[in-house]
Amino acid sequence: MADLAAPAYAILAESLVKIRAQINTLHAAEAALLVLGDELAALVAARDGHTDHGEFEHRAVAAEFAAAVHESDRTMAGRISRARTLVEHYPTVMAALTAGRISHAHAAVITDAGSTLTDPQSRAGYAAAVLEVAETNTVGRLRPVAREFAERFADRTLDDRHTEARACRMVRVTELDDGMADLTATLPAVYASGIKDRLTQMARLVKQHEQARADDQAHNVSGLGTEPGSGAPSGESEGESAATTATVRSMDQIRADLLTDLLLASDPNQAATSGLTGIAGIQARIQVIVPKEHATGEDEPSPPGTESGGHRATGTPPATLAGYGPLDTDTARHLAGNATHWEEVTVDPDTGTVLSVDTYRPNTKLRQFLRARDLHCRFPGCHTPTAHCDIDHTVDAAHGGPTTSTNLAHLCRRHHTLKHHSRWTVTQARDGTLTWTSPAGTAYPERAPSTVRFRRMPLPGVDSRERQAPQPPGESDSRASDPPGRTNTGPSTPPGDASTGTSAASPSN
């Protein structure tokens, strides 16, 4: 059988090589197309005499491409920048990619490692040397070789470049799934290594303590008498015995917990002895949308036939961290319980439309409404939280645009300036839907995020027509976009089937 399979494997492998070569060629074609679009933007800016040297025309084209392929314009701008570097500075690498001899990932490693090279002759020499390795090695093996070769051809010393690179140190958050995120700090390598080593040393001591405590508890449990014919201590079930054994965290878990406590707790030692976790150090400046069922623990009963995999499918939206996404219920309850400022958001669970906003300590009602409706920047593909956005008049106030919920929307500074300084245009419907029109004339409708995030999901066996359409409390449909001003000391109970979300946030300074 093996003899029969060998020729088939060879044929399949040969076919895979050909397919990969075609994919690599297409990546090269995409890079050429992106550069062509960027060059066209430069021509338009030069023809029209743009005083910004074409900055907004280039950004407008990046947004055009991004909207067409459902990416953020920041991502597309990065793709265009890398494509220009490849096409203009590394023609031999571009030729190898077009011929399918290297992959797009190989090309990215080569151009990234060569970013410090400014002399054309140095770049050509570096590219010739590194391509010999790239065509016969994996991306992982190529990366250190490319860095070494680039250093040999560098026209500036590592010391000089390091001094400049230190100025770019930063901390950033990358969103992950399941309520998690990567916290990344860009630091000098010696500091990063020192921090990791210190966390490891501290984690070893903590792990030794946890292991010793677990061993002691296991010894105490094993020393208890057991009932005849039972493997569990007298008077205890097997589950109860297991519950008494202390949990021993892994080294990675301990390092992560220590880092959290060091950064969020004023005294990590006190936090460790008191049992407080890093979340106790968070004062809710963030906005957390919490459906009423999660805040109170009163879950809706599951409709018949909707239980699956041990979980109840209620259709109720989860707690939400603005700018990130779904948040686990325990964390949401903790933040809500310790927040200094609550906003109650009443929504229609079938359409997701925000019906009203109430607060225990009211401030500007219109701002509350817009935060609850928008959740993030309203340009297609952008999810910058409203806390980092401007409230923009869709129709400029200088041109008679009213200051109402139907003419206001959150835009981050990048897209706020793009709206005013490029050929992108936007209109707003009464329900908060923005329609962006690109320079190419393509329209991109942008629904209010709350109408997507707050909607009850359709459930098997439940006819949505059986639901009674809720009405805003004390308001008609025509006034749903302008929330009523109420100053009661507690949240009102929405009528009928409307779901209630609460937003935890600190008061404005």
Protein backbone atom coordinates (compact mmCIF):
# COMPACT_ATOMS: atom_id res chain seq x y z
CA MET A 1 0.00 0.00 0.00
CA ALA A 2 2.88 2.33 0.84
CA ASP A 3 4.35 1.77 -2.62
CA LEU A 4 1.03 2.78 -4.18
CA ALA A 5 0.69 5.88 -1.99
CA ALA A 6 4.18 7.24 -2.66
CA PRO A 7 3.49 8.36 -6.27
CA ALA A 8 0.20 9.94 -5.14
CA TYR A 9 1.99 11.88 -2.41
CA ALA A 10 4.53 13.11 -4.94
CA ILE A 11 1.81 14.28 -7.32
CA LEU A 12 -0.07 16.07 -4.53
CA ALA A 13 3.11 17.73 -3.28
CA GLU A 14 3.96 18.90 -6.80
CA SER A 15 0.44 20.30 -7.19
CA LEU A 16 0.77 22.10 -3.85
CA VAL A 17 4.02 23.72 -4.99
CA LYS A 18 2.31 24.99 -8.16
CA ILE A 19 -0.67 26.34 -6.19
CA ARG A 20 1.63 28.12 -3.74
CA ALA A 21 3.54 29.68 -6.64
CA GLN A 22 0.26 30.99 -8.05
CA ILE A 23 -0.71 32.41 -4.65
CA ASN A 24 2.68 34.13 -4.37
CA THR A 25 2.21 35.63 -7.82
CA LEU A 26 -1.20 36.96 -6.81
CA HIS A 27 0.32 38.56 -3.70
CA ALA A 28 2.78 40.34 -5.98
CA ALA A 29 -0.08 41.48 -8.21
CA GLU A 30 -1.94 42.83 -5.18
CA ALA A 31 1.13 44.76 -4.07
CA ALA A 32 1.46 46.30 -7.54
CA LEU A 33 -2.23 47.25 -7.53
CA LEU A 34 -1.99 48.93 -4.12
CA VAL A 35 1.03 50.95 -5.25
CA LEU A 36 -0.82 51.95 -8.43
CA GLY A 37 -3.74 53.26 -6.35
CA ASP A 38 -1.37 55.20 -4.12
CA GLU A 39 0.38 56.73 -7.13
CA LEU A 40 -2.99 57.74 -8.55
CA ALA A 41 -3.77 59.51 -5.27
CA ALA A 42 -0.49 61.42 -5.57
CA LEU A 43 -1.38 62.51 -9.11
CA VAL A 44 -4.83 63.73 -8.02
CA ALA A 45 -3.34 65.66 -5.12
CA ALA A 46 -0.70 67.25 -7.37
CA ARG A 47 -3.30 68.18 -10.00
CA ASP A 48 -5.61 69.78 -7.44
CA GLY A 49 -2.77 71.52 -5.59
CA HIS A 50 -3.49 70.00 -2.19
CA THR A 51 -1.73 71.98 0.53
CA ASP A 52 -1.45 68.85 2.70
CA HIS A 53 0.90 67.26 0.12
CA GLY A 54 -1.75 64.68 -0.66
CA GLU A 55 -2.02 63.21 2.84
CA PHE A 56 -5.81 63.09 2.89
CA GLU A 57 -6.04 61.91 -0.71
CA HIS A 58 -3.78 58.97 0.17
CA ARG A 59 -5.90 58.26 3.26
CA ALA A 60 -9.07 58.51 1.18
CA VAL A 61 -7.77 55.89 -1.26
CA ALA A 62 -6.73 53.60 1.61
CA ALA A 63 -10.23 53.93 3.05
CA GLU A 64 -11.74 53.20 -0.39
CA PHE A 65 -9.76 49.96 -0.75
CA ALA A 66 -10.40 48.96 2.87
CA ALA A 67 -14.15 49.43 2.67
CA ALA A 68 -14.26 47.39 -0.54
CA VAL A 69 -12.60 44.36 1.08
CA HIS A 70 -14.03 44.85 4.60
CA GLU A 71 -10.81 45.84 6.35
CA SER A 72 -9.98 48.84 8.49
CA ASP A 73 -8.35 51.72 6.67
CA ARG A 74 -5.43 51.61 9.11
CA THR A 75 -4.72 48.02 8.09
CA MET A 76 -4.98 48.95 4.42
CA ALA A 77 -2.67 51.94 4.88
CA GLY A 78 -0.11 49.58 6.36
CA ARG A 79 -0.49 47.21 3.41
CA ILE A 80 0.03 50.06 0.96
CA SER A 81 3.12 51.25 2.81
CA ARG A 82 4.67 47.77 2.80
CA ALA A 83 3.76 47.33 -0.88
CA ARG A 84 5.51 50.60 -1.78
CA THR A 85 8.63 49.51 0.10
CA LEU A 86 8.66 46.19 -1.73
CA VAL A 87 8.02 47.61 -5.21
CA GLU A 88 10.23 50.70 -4.99
CA HIS A 89 13.13 49.59 -2.79
CA TYR A 90 13.39 45.85 -3.39
CA PRO A 91 12.69 45.14 -7.10
CA THR A 92 14.61 41.85 -7.04
CA VAL A 93 12.52 40.63 -4.10
CA MET A 94 9.36 41.73 -5.95
CA ALA A 95 10.55 39.77 -9.00
CA ALA A 96 11.11 36.65 -6.90
CA LEU A 97 7.62 36.98 -5.40
CA THR A 98 6.07 37.48 -8.86
CA ALA A 99 7.84 34.35 -10.12
CA GLY A 100 6.51 32.44 -7.12
CA ARG A 101 9.97 31.55 -5.77
CA ILE A 102 9.32 33.12 -2.36
CA SER A 103 6.14 33.73 -0.39
CA HIS A 104 4.57 36.97 0.73
CA ALA A 105 5.75 36.17 4.27
CA HIS A 106 9.34 35.78 3.05
CA ALA A 107 9.12 39.13 1.29
CA ALA A 108 7.74 40.79 4.45
CA VAL A 109 10.63 39.43 6.54
CA ILE A 110 13.17 40.73 4.02
CA THR A 111 11.69 44.23 3.79
CA ASP A 112 11.13 44.50 7.55
CA ALA A 113 14.70 43.47 8.36
CA GLY A 114 16.01 45.87 5.72
CA SER A 115 14.02 48.85 7.00
CA THR A 116 17.19 50.39 8.43
CA LEU A 117 18.94 50.45 5.05
CA THR A 118 18.72 53.79 3.25
CA ASP A 119 21.43 53.52 0.58
CA PRO A 120 20.17 51.89 -2.67
CA GLN A 121 23.43 50.00 -3.21
CA SER A 122 23.32 48.64 0.33
CA ARG A 123 19.73 47.48 -0.18
CA ALA A 124 20.64 45.79 -3.47
CA GLY A 125 23.56 43.95 -1.90
CA TYR A 126 21.47 42.92 1.09
CA ALA A 127 18.61 41.68 -1.13
CA ALA A 128 20.94 39.60 -3.30
CA ALA A 129 22.47 37.92 -0.25
CA VAL A 130 19.25 37.26 1.61
CA LEU A 131 17.31 35.95 -1.42
CA GLU A 132 19.68 32.99 -1.68
CA VAL A 133 18.58 31.97 1.80
CA ALA A 134 14.91 32.89 1.36
CA GLU A 135 14.34 30.64 -1.68
CA THR A 136 15.42 27.50 0.18
CA ASN A 137 14.44 28.11 3.82
CA THR A 138 11.38 28.64 5.98
CA VAL A 139 10.28 32.05 7.19
CA GLY A 140 11.36 31.18 10.74
CA ARG A 141 14.90 30.31 9.64
CA LEU A 142 15.08 33.32 7.35
CA ARG A 143 14.24 35.93 10.00
CA PRO A 144 17.49 35.82 12.08
CA VAL A 145 19.62 35.51 8.93
CA ALA A 146 17.91 38.53 7.36
CA ARG A 147 18.55 40.61 10.47
CA GLU A 148 22.20 39.60 10.51
CA PHE A 149 22.68 40.38 6.81
CA ALA A 150 20.91 43.73 7.18
CA GLU A 151 23.23 44.64 10.04
CA ARG A 152 26.25 43.91 7.82
CA PHE A 153 24.98 46.31 5.14
CA ALA A 154 23.67 48.95 7.57
CA ASP A 155 24.95 52.49 7.00
CA ARG A 156 24.21 53.45 10.62
CA THR A 157 25.45 51.75 13.77
CA LEU A 158 23.18 49.74 16.05
CA ASP A 159 23.93 52.17 18.88
CA ASP A 160 22.61 55.14 16.92
CA ARG A 161 19.49 53.28 15.85
CA HIS A 162 18.86 52.01 19.38
CA THR A 163 18.88 55.58 20.72
CA GLU A 164 16.13 56.49 18.27
CA ALA A 165 14.20 53.27 18.84
CA ARG A 166 14.04 53.90 22.59
CA ALA A 167 11.93 56.96 21.85
CA CYS A 168 9.24 54.66 20.39
CA ARG A 169 8.71 52.60 23.54
CA MET A 170 5.02 52.07 24.22
CA VAL A 171 2.33 49.84 25.71
CA ARG A 172 -0.60 48.60 23.63
CA VAL A 173 -3.50 46.16 23.90
CA THR A 174 -4.42 43.62 21.21
CA GLU A 175 -7.90 42.15 21.49
CA LEU A 176 -8.36 38.39 21.67
CA ASP A 177 -11.41 36.15 21.99
CA ASP A 178 -13.21 34.95 25.14
CA GLY A 179 -12.73 38.11 27.17
CA MET A 180 -8.92 38.11 26.84
CA ALA A 181 -6.32 40.46 25.37
CA ASP A 182 -2.57 40.72 24.83
CA LEU A 183 -0.83 43.51 26.76
CA THR A 184 2.33 44.30 24.80
CA ALA A 185 5.09 46.59 26.02
CA THR A 186 7.73 47.72 23.53
CA LEU A 187 10.86 48.24 25.64
CA PRO A 188 14.63 48.06 25.33
CA ALA A 189 15.48 44.35 25.15
CA VAL A 190 17.53 44.39 28.35
CA TYR A 191 14.60 45.80 30.33
CA ALA A 192 12.14 43.33 28.82
CA SER A 193 14.44 40.41 29.63
CA GLY A 194 14.98 41.74 33.14
CA ILE A 195 11.23 42.07 33.75
CA LYS A 196 10.61 38.54 32.51
CA ASP A 197 13.43 37.20 34.70
CA ARG A 198 12.15 38.99 37.80
CA LEU A 199 8.61 37.72 37.23
CA THR A 200 10.04 34.21 36.85
CA GLN A 201 11.98 34.42 40.11
CA MET A 202 8.93 35.72 41.98
CA ALA A 203 6.73 33.09 40.34
CA ARG A 204 9.04 30.29 41.51
CA LEU A 205 8.65 31.40 45.13
CA VAL A 206 4.88 31.67 44.79
CA LYS A 207 4.66 28.27 43.12
CA GLN A 208 6.75 26.65 45.88
CA HIS A 209 4.37 28.13 48.46
CA GLU A 210 1.27 26.97 46.55
CA GLN A 211 2.71 23.50 46.02
CA ALA A 212 3.63 23.16 49.71
CA ARG A 213 0.14 24.27 50.74
CA ALA A 214 -1.46 21.83 48.31
CA ASP A 215 0.75 18.99 49.59
CA ASP A 216 -0.19 19.81 53.19
CA GLN A 217 -3.89 19.84 52.41
CA ALA A 218 -3.61 16.60 50.45
CA HIS A 219 -1.77 15.02 53.40
CA ASN A 220 -4.44 16.22 55.85
CA VAL A 221 -7.21 14.86 53.66
CA SER A 222 -5.49 11.51 53.21
CA GLY A 223 -5.03 11.25 56.98
CA LEU A 224 -8.77 11.38 57.67
CA GLY A 225 -10.62 8.16 58.37
CA THR A 226 -12.72 6.66 55.63
CA GLU A 227 -15.95 4.79 55.80
CA PRO A 228 -15.75 1.08 55.04
CA GLY A 229 -15.98 0.43 51.33
CA SER A 230 -15.60 4.10 50.45
CA GLY A 231 -12.65 5.87 48.89
CA ALA A 232 -13.63 9.18 50.45
CA PRO A 233 -13.01 10.37 54.02
CA SER A 234 -15.83 9.74 56.49
CA GLY A 235 -18.65 12.22 56.11
CA GLU A 236 -17.32 13.63 52.85
CA SER A 237 -17.98 12.88 49.24
CA GLU A 238 -15.23 12.45 46.69
CA GLY A 239 -16.05 15.84 45.22
CA GLU A 240 -15.83 17.51 48.63
CA SER A 241 -12.42 15.96 49.24
CA ALA A 242 -11.11 17.18 45.90
CA ALA A 243 -12.43 20.67 46.61
CA THR A 244 -10.25 20.95 49.72
CA THR A 245 -7.06 20.54 47.66
CA ALA A 246 -5.44 23.88 46.89
CA THR A 247 -5.03 24.87 43.24
CA VAL A 248 -1.45 25.13 41.98
CA ARG A 249 -1.11 27.60 39.13
CA SER A 250 1.32 27.15 36.25
CA MET A 251 4.38 29.38 35.97
CA ASP A 252 2.82 31.28 33.06
CA GLN A 253 -0.36 31.87 35.06
CA ILE A 254 1.58 33.09 38.10
CA ARG A 255 3.74 35.43 36.01
CA ALA A 256 0.63 36.93 34.41
CA ASP A 257 -1.09 37.34 37.80
CA LEU A 258 2.02 38.91 39.35
CA LEU A 259 2.29 41.39 36.48
CA THR A 260 -1.38 42.29 36.92
CA ASP A 261 -1.00 42.85 40.66
CA LEU A 262 2.23 44.83 40.25
CA LEU A 263 0.55 47.20 37.80
CA LEU A 264 -2.94 47.48 39.31
CA ALA A 265 -2.39 47.07 43.05
CA SER A 266 -0.67 49.81 45.04
CA ASP A 267 0.95 47.17 47.23
CA PRO A 268 1.38 43.77 45.53
CA ASN A 269 2.45 42.13 48.80
CA GLN A 270 -0.71 43.27 50.55
CA ALA A 271 -2.77 42.14 47.57
CA ALA A 272 -1.18 38.70 47.73
CA THR A 273 -1.90 38.26 51.46
CA SER A 274 -5.42 39.70 51.32
CA GLY A 275 -6.46 37.55 48.37
CA LEU A 276 -7.48 40.56 46.26
CA THR A 277 -6.97 40.22 42.53
CA GLY A 278 -5.81 42.82 40.05
CA ILE A 279 -9.35 43.74 39.09
CA ALA A 280 -9.76 45.41 42.49
CA GLY A 281 -7.38 48.08 41.22
CA ILE A 282 -9.68 49.02 38.33
CA GLN A 283 -11.86 52.07 38.80
CA ALA A 284 -14.38 51.88 35.98
CA ARG A 285 -13.38 54.62 33.59
CA ILE A 286 -14.38 52.12 30.92
CA GLN A 287 -17.96 51.71 29.80
CA VAL A 288 -19.51 48.32 30.42
CA ILE A 289 -22.89 47.52 28.94
CA VAL A 290 -24.52 44.95 31.22
CA PRO A 291 -27.92 43.46 30.38
CA LYS A 292 -30.15 43.43 33.45
CA GLU A 293 -30.16 39.62 33.64
CA HIS A 294 -26.36 39.58 34.07
CA ALA A 295 -26.27 42.37 36.63
CA THR A 296 -28.85 40.76 38.90
CA GLY A 297 -28.16 37.09 38.20
CA GLU A 298 -31.80 36.59 37.17
CA ASP A 299 -31.38 34.74 33.88
CA GLU A 300 -34.32 34.27 31.60
CA PRO A 301 -35.67 30.73 31.46
CA SER A 302 -34.65 28.97 28.28
CA PRO A 303 -37.38 28.45 25.71
CA PRO A 304 -38.13 24.77 25.11
CA GLY A 305 -35.62 23.01 22.91
CA THR A 306 -32.85 25.62 23.21
CA GLU A 307 -30.51 23.81 25.58
CA SER A 308 -27.34 22.70 23.85
CA GLY A 309 -23.96 21.50 25.03
CA GLY A 310 -24.76 22.09 28.68
CA HIS A 311 -25.43 25.82 28.18
CA ARG A 312 -28.74 27.64 28.07
CA ALA A 313 -29.39 29.65 24.94
CA THR A 314 -31.34 32.69 26.17
CA GLY A 315 -30.67 35.06 23.30
CA THR A 316 -29.77 37.74 25.86
CA PRO A 317 -26.73 39.79 24.82
CA PRO A 318 -23.66 39.34 27.04
CA ALA A 319 -22.02 42.05 29.12
CA THR A 320 -19.87 44.19 26.83
CA LEU A 321 -16.63 46.09 27.33
CA ALA A 322 -16.77 49.11 25.04
CA GLY A 323 -14.17 48.90 22.31
CA TYR A 324 -13.50 45.22 22.96
CA GLY A 325 -16.60 43.05 23.00
CA PRO A 326 -18.26 40.39 25.19
CA LEU A 327 -17.16 40.26 28.83
CA ASP A 328 -17.64 37.40 31.27
CA THR A 329 -20.49 37.89 33.75
CA ASP A 330 -18.43 37.72 36.97
CA THR A 331 -16.08 40.48 35.78
CA ALA A 332 -19.01 42.60 34.62
CA ARG A 333 -20.77 42.25 37.99
CA HIS A 334 -17.60 43.19 39.86
CA LEU A 335 -17.04 46.31 37.76
CA ALA A 336 -20.69 47.31 37.97
CA GLY A 337 -20.75 46.79 41.75
CA ASN A 338 -17.71 49.02 42.30
CA ALA A 339 -18.44 51.68 39.70
CA THR A 340 -19.00 55.23 40.89
CA HIS A 341 -21.36 56.06 38.03
CA TRP A 342 -24.12 54.02 36.43
CA GLU A 343 -26.10 54.67 33.30
CA GLU A 344 -29.21 52.67 32.55
CA VAL A 345 -29.74 51.99 28.83
CA THR A 346 -33.15 50.74 27.78
CA VAL A 347 -33.19 48.96 24.42
CA ASP A 348 -35.60 47.16 22.17
CA PRO A 349 -34.42 43.51 22.33
CA ASP A 350 -35.81 42.71 18.88
CA THR A 351 -34.30 45.63 16.95
CA GLY A 352 -31.49 46.66 19.32
CA THR A 353 -32.54 50.31 19.09
CA VAL A 354 -31.68 52.44 22.11
CA LEU A 355 -34.97 53.68 23.56
CA SER A 356 -33.80 55.83 26.46
CA VAL A 357 -30.89 56.55 28.76
CA ASP A 358 -31.19 57.21 32.47
CA THR A 359 -28.53 57.80 35.09
CA TYR A 360 -28.20 57.92 38.85
CA ARG A 361 -26.14 61.11 38.48
CA PRO A 362 -27.22 62.73 35.20
CA ASN A 363 -24.95 64.86 33.06
CA THR A 364 -25.51 65.84 29.43
CA LYS A 365 -28.34 63.55 28.30
CA LEU A 366 -27.48 63.76 24.64
CA ARG A 367 -23.90 62.60 25.23
CA GLN A 368 -25.22 59.67 27.25
CA PHE A 369 -27.55 58.72 24.43
CA LEU A 370 -24.85 58.91 21.77
CA ARG A 371 -22.40 56.84 23.85
CA ALA A 372 -25.03 54.15 24.33
CA ARG A 373 -25.99 54.16 20.65
CA ASP A 374 -22.58 54.40 18.98
CA LEU A 375 -20.26 52.34 21.24
CA HIS A 376 -17.31 53.14 18.93
CA CYS A 377 -16.21 55.27 15.96
CA ARG A 378 -18.85 55.17 13.23
CA PHE A 379 -16.52 54.97 10.20
CA PRO A 380 -16.70 51.58 8.44
CA GLY A 381 -14.30 49.08 9.99
CA CYS A 382 -13.16 51.30 12.89
CA HIS A 383 -13.84 50.28 16.50
CA THR A 384 -12.08 53.02 18.49
CA PRO A 385 -14.12 53.36 21.74
CA THR A 386 -16.31 56.43 22.13
CA ALA A 387 -14.12 57.60 25.02
CA HIS A 388 -11.40 58.31 22.46
CA CYS A 389 -13.69 59.85 19.81
CA ASP A 390 -15.06 63.28 18.95
CA ILE A 391 -18.80 63.92 18.69
CA ASP A 392 -19.15 65.18 15.13
CA HIS A 393 -21.98 67.04 13.41
CA THR A 394 -22.86 65.00 10.32
CA VAL A 395 -24.05 68.22 8.70
CA ASP A 396 -21.68 70.90 9.96
CA ALA A 397 -23.16 73.28 12.50
CA ALA A 398 -21.66 76.11 10.42
CA HIS A 399 -23.91 74.97 7.56
CA GLY A 400 -27.05 74.84 9.71
CA GLY A 401 -26.69 71.27 11.01
CA PRO A 402 -28.69 70.86 14.25
CA THR A 403 -27.18 69.59 17.50
CA THR A 404 -29.49 66.58 17.79
CA SER A 405 -29.07 62.84 18.06
CA THR A 406 -30.00 62.51 14.37
CA ASN A 407 -27.12 64.76 13.29
CA LEU A 408 -24.39 63.68 15.72
CA ALA A 409 -22.13 60.63 15.76
CA HIS A 410 -18.84 59.59 17.32
CA LEU A 411 -15.80 59.69 15.03
CA CYS A 412 -12.21 59.07 16.06
CA ARG A 413 -9.84 61.93 15.27
CA ARG A 414 -8.46 60.09 12.22
CA HIS A 415 -11.85 59.69 10.56
CA HIS A 416 -13.15 63.03 11.80
CA THR A 417 -10.39 64.78 9.86
CA LEU A 418 -10.82 62.41 6.91
CA LYS A 419 -14.49 63.46 6.66
CA HIS A 420 -13.61 67.14 6.52
CA HIS A 421 -10.47 67.01 4.37
CA SER A 422 -11.14 64.34 1.76
CA ARG A 423 -13.82 63.50 -0.78
CA TRP A 424 -15.51 61.00 1.54
CA THR A 425 -19.03 62.19 2.42
CA VAL A 426 -21.58 61.00 4.98
CA THR A 427 -25.30 61.32 5.65
CA GLN A 428 -27.30 60.19 8.68
CA ALA A 429 -30.77 58.66 8.83
CA ARG A 430 -33.16 59.16 11.73
CA ASP A 431 -32.39 55.72 13.17
CA GLY A 432 -28.70 56.61 13.45
CA THR A 433 -27.54 54.78 10.29
CA LEU A 434 -24.66 56.59 8.61
CA THR A 435 -24.15 56.20 4.87
CA TRP A 436 -20.58 56.87 3.83
CA THR A 437 -19.89 57.55 0.15
CA SER A 438 -16.34 57.00 -1.05
CA PRO A 439 -14.49 59.09 -3.66
CA ALA A 440 -15.32 56.32 -6.15
CA GLY A 441 -19.03 56.84 -5.48
CA THR A 442 -19.58 53.57 -3.57
CA ALA A 443 -22.00 53.81 -0.63
CA TYR A 444 -21.25 51.98 2.62
CA PRO A 445 -24.14 51.95 5.14
CA GLU A 446 -22.97 51.93 8.77
CA ARG A 447 -25.76 50.88 11.14
CA ALA A 448 -25.71 52.09 14.72
CA PRO A 449 -23.70 49.40 16.57
CA SER A 450 -26.27 49.20 19.37
CA THR A 451 -28.90 47.92 16.93
CA VAL A 452 -26.63 44.95 16.30
CA ARG A 453 -25.15 44.42 19.75
CA PHE A 454 -28.32 44.79 21.85
CA ARG A 455 -30.66 42.68 19.72
CA ARG A 456 -32.09 39.46 21.05
CA MET A 457 -30.95 36.59 18.86
CA PRO A 458 -33.64 34.44 17.17
CA LEU A 459 -34.05 31.14 18.99
CA PRO A 460 -35.21 27.78 17.64
CA GLY A 461 -38.86 27.15 18.34
CA VAL A 462 -39.63 30.76 19.25
CA ASP A 463 -41.60 32.86 16.78
CA SER A 464 -40.43 36.47 16.98
CA ARG A 465 -43.90 37.53 15.88
CA GLU A 466 -45.23 36.36 19.23
CA ARG A 467 -43.19 39.05 21.00
CA GLN A 468 -44.97 42.22 21.94
CA ALA A 469 -43.23 45.19 20.36
CA PRO A 470 -41.99 47.36 23.25
CA GLN A 471 -42.39 51.12 23.35
CA PRO A 472 -40.00 53.60 24.92
CA PRO A 473 -41.15 54.28 28.49
CA GLY A 474 -43.45 57.25 28.35
CA GLU A 475 -42.35 58.18 24.84
CA SER A 476 -43.67 57.80 21.30
CA ASP A 477 -41.63 56.38 18.40
CA SER A 478 -41.01 59.86 17.05
CA ARG A 479 -39.04 60.79 20.15
CA ALA A 480 -37.02 57.60 20.54
CA SER A 481 -33.90 59.24 19.11
CA ASP A 482 -33.95 62.04 21.70
CA PRO A 483 -33.91 60.37 25.13
CA PRO A 484 -36.22 61.70 27.80
CA GLY A 485 -34.71 63.65 30.67
CA ARG A 486 -35.45 61.91 33.93
CA THR A 487 -33.75 62.62 37.25
CA ASN A 488 -35.13 59.88 39.47
CA THR A 489 -32.73 58.29 41.96
CA GLY A 490 -33.01 54.78 40.60
CA PRO A 491 -33.51 52.97 37.33
CA SER A 492 -37.01 52.67 36.00
CA THR A 493 -38.41 49.30 35.03
CA PRO A 494 -38.95 49.08 31.29
CA PRO A 495 -42.37 47.86 30.24
CA GLY A 496 -43.14 44.66 28.47
CA ASP A 497 -40.33 42.73 26.84
CA ALA A 498 -37.66 45.44 26.68
CA SER A 499 -34.23 44.46 27.98
CA THR A 500 -32.28 46.86 30.20
CA GLY A 501 -28.55 47.36 30.05
CA THR A 502 -26.50 49.26 32.62
CA SER A 503 -23.34 51.13 31.78
CA ALA A 504 -20.66 51.42 34.47
CA ALA A 505 -18.33 54.36 34.12
CA SER A 506 -16.54 56.87 36.31
CA PRO A 507 -17.89 60.45 36.48
CA SER A 508 -16.34 63.01 34.18
CA ASN A 509 -13.61 65.17 35.62
